[in-house]
């Protein structure tokens, strides 16, 4: 079984494929921008990484969403709901955590199947 690493760096890869599954690293938006802008940026990054891996959001299996403040839940969901494939939504969990920098408001981690 081959392991393929996309955009590998010193500390981590942005995505890893193995055994028909794509695992994405947590994606964050531009620090200091609004929650809506950060979520939009994160979802665009996810689209790009999934495409690079050979799949798309219709093949999402799971999504884990970390918010710096659960007060942003509705605003994040507004962006998510406009983006997610309504016919193929993933299993999803959302929680509040202290993110790597105070300017980050959202981080999203997904796994997807390869077609």
Protein backbone atom coordinates (compact mmCIF):
# COMPACT_ATOMS: atom_id res chain seq x y z
CA UNK A 1 0.00 0.00 0.00
CA UNK A 2 1.42 3.30 -1.13
CA UNK A 3 1.45 6.40 1.05
CA UNK A 4 1.46 9.70 -0.85
CA UNK A 5 2.20 12.99 0.92
CA UNK A 6 0.96 16.25 -0.59
CA UNK A 7 2.78 19.48 0.16
CA UNK A 8 5.11 17.91 2.73
CA UNK A 9 6.98 20.25 5.02
CA UNK A 10 9.41 19.99 7.88
CA UNK A 11 6.68 19.42 10.47
CA UNK A 12 3.73 18.02 8.53
CA UNK A 13 2.12 17.35 5.16
CA UNK A 14 -1.00 19.23 4.09
CA UNK A 15 -2.57 15.93 3.00
CA UNK A 16 -1.72 12.24 3.05
CA UNK A 17 -3.36 9.54 0.95
CA UNK A 18 -3.34 5.89 1.93
CA UNK A 19 -5.52 2.93 1.10
CA UNK A 20 -8.13 5.00 -0.77
CA UNK A 21 -8.47 7.68 1.92
CA UNK A 22 -7.24 11.29 1.92
CA UNK A 23 -6.40 12.79 5.31
CA UNK A 24 -6.07 16.58 5.38
CA UNK A 25 -4.17 18.57 7.97
CA UNK A 26 -6.16 21.22 9.81
CA UNK A 27 -6.74 24.21 7.55
CA UNK A 28 -6.90 27.76 8.87
CA UNK A 29 -7.67 31.09 7.23
CA UNK A 30 -5.85 34.40 7.17
CA UNK A 31 -5.17 35.52 10.76
CA UNK A 32 -7.10 38.57 11.81
CA UNK A 33 -9.85 38.32 9.16
CA UNK A 34 -13.49 37.74 10.02
CA UNK A 35 -14.89 34.32 10.85
CA UNK A 36 -16.79 34.34 7.54
CA UNK A 37 -13.64 35.17 5.57
CA UNK A 38 -11.58 32.57 7.44
CA UNK A 39 -14.19 29.86 6.89
CA UNK A 40 -14.47 30.72 3.19
CA UNK A 41 -10.68 30.58 2.83
CA UNK A 42 -10.45 27.27 4.70
CA UNK A 43 -13.10 25.64 2.51
CA UNK A 44 -11.35 26.88 -0.65
CA UNK A 45 -8.08 25.38 0.64
CA UNK A 46 -9.89 22.10 1.31
CA UNK A 47 -11.31 22.10 -2.23
CA UNK A 48 -7.82 22.68 -3.66
CA UNK A 49 -6.17 19.95 -1.58
CA UNK A 50 -8.92 17.45 -2.35
CA UNK A 51 -8.54 18.21 -6.08
CA UNK A 52 -4.76 17.78 -5.83
CA UNK A 53 -5.36 14.39 -4.19
CA UNK A 54 -7.83 13.37 -6.92
CA UNK A 55 -11.15 13.72 -5.10
CA UNK A 56 -13.69 16.37 -4.08
CA UNK A 57 -16.10 17.38 -1.34
CA UNK A 58 -18.75 14.92 -2.56
CA UNK A 59 -16.44 12.19 -1.20
CA UNK A 60 -16.00 13.66 2.30
CA UNK A 61 -16.20 11.09 5.06
CA UNK A 62 -15.63 13.18 8.19
CA UNK A 63 -15.13 16.79 9.20
CA UNK A 64 -13.88 18.12 12.51
CA UNK A 65 -14.39 21.83 13.03
CA UNK A 66 -12.66 23.75 15.80
CA UNK A 67 -13.93 27.21 16.68
CA UNK A 68 -12.13 29.64 18.97
CA UNK A 69 -15.56 30.75 20.21
CA UNK A 70 -18.81 28.77 19.93
CA UNK A 71 -20.57 32.12 19.51
CA UNK A 72 -19.32 31.83 15.89
CA UNK A 73 -21.19 28.55 15.33
CA UNK A 74 -24.10 30.03 13.34
CA UNK A 75 -21.85 32.21 11.17
CA UNK A 76 -19.55 29.29 10.40
CA UNK A 77 -22.54 27.08 9.60
CA UNK A 78 -23.88 29.68 7.14
CA UNK A 79 -20.66 29.40 5.11
CA UNK A 80 -20.43 25.62 5.58
CA UNK A 81 -24.04 25.02 4.50
CA UNK A 82 -23.51 26.99 1.29
CA UNK A 83 -20.36 24.95 0.53
CA UNK A 84 -21.04 21.36 1.60
CA UNK A 85 -22.45 18.86 -0.91
CA UNK A 86 -26.02 18.59 0.41
CA UNK A 87 -26.45 15.15 -1.19
CA UNK A 88 -23.29 13.80 0.47
CA UNK A 89 -22.68 15.49 3.83
CA UNK A 90 -19.89 14.02 5.97
CA UNK A 91 -20.08 12.90 9.57
CA UNK A 92 -19.16 16.06 11.47
CA UNK A 93 -18.16 17.29 14.91
CA UNK A 94 -17.69 20.88 16.05
CA UNK A 95 -16.10 22.09 19.27
CA UNK A 96 -14.52 25.08 20.93
CA UNK A 97 -10.76 25.08 21.45
CA UNK A 98 -7.88 27.47 21.93
CA UNK A 99 -6.31 27.59 18.45
CA UNK A 100 -2.60 28.00 17.66
CA UNK A 101 -2.83 31.80 17.50
CA UNK A 102 -5.50 34.12 18.91
CA UNK A 103 -6.14 35.57 15.42
CA UNK A 104 -7.38 32.19 14.16
CA UNK A 105 -11.13 31.76 14.56
CA UNK A 106 -11.71 28.41 12.82
CA UNK A 107 -9.77 25.28 11.86
CA UNK A 108 -11.27 22.47 9.79
CA UNK A 109 -9.91 18.94 9.36
CA UNK A 110 -11.44 16.51 6.85
CA UNK A 111 -10.99 13.01 5.51
CA UNK A 112 -12.29 11.93 2.12
CA UNK A 113 -12.46 8.84 -0.02
CA UNK A 114 -10.71 8.62 -3.35
CA UNK A 115 -13.20 7.83 -6.15
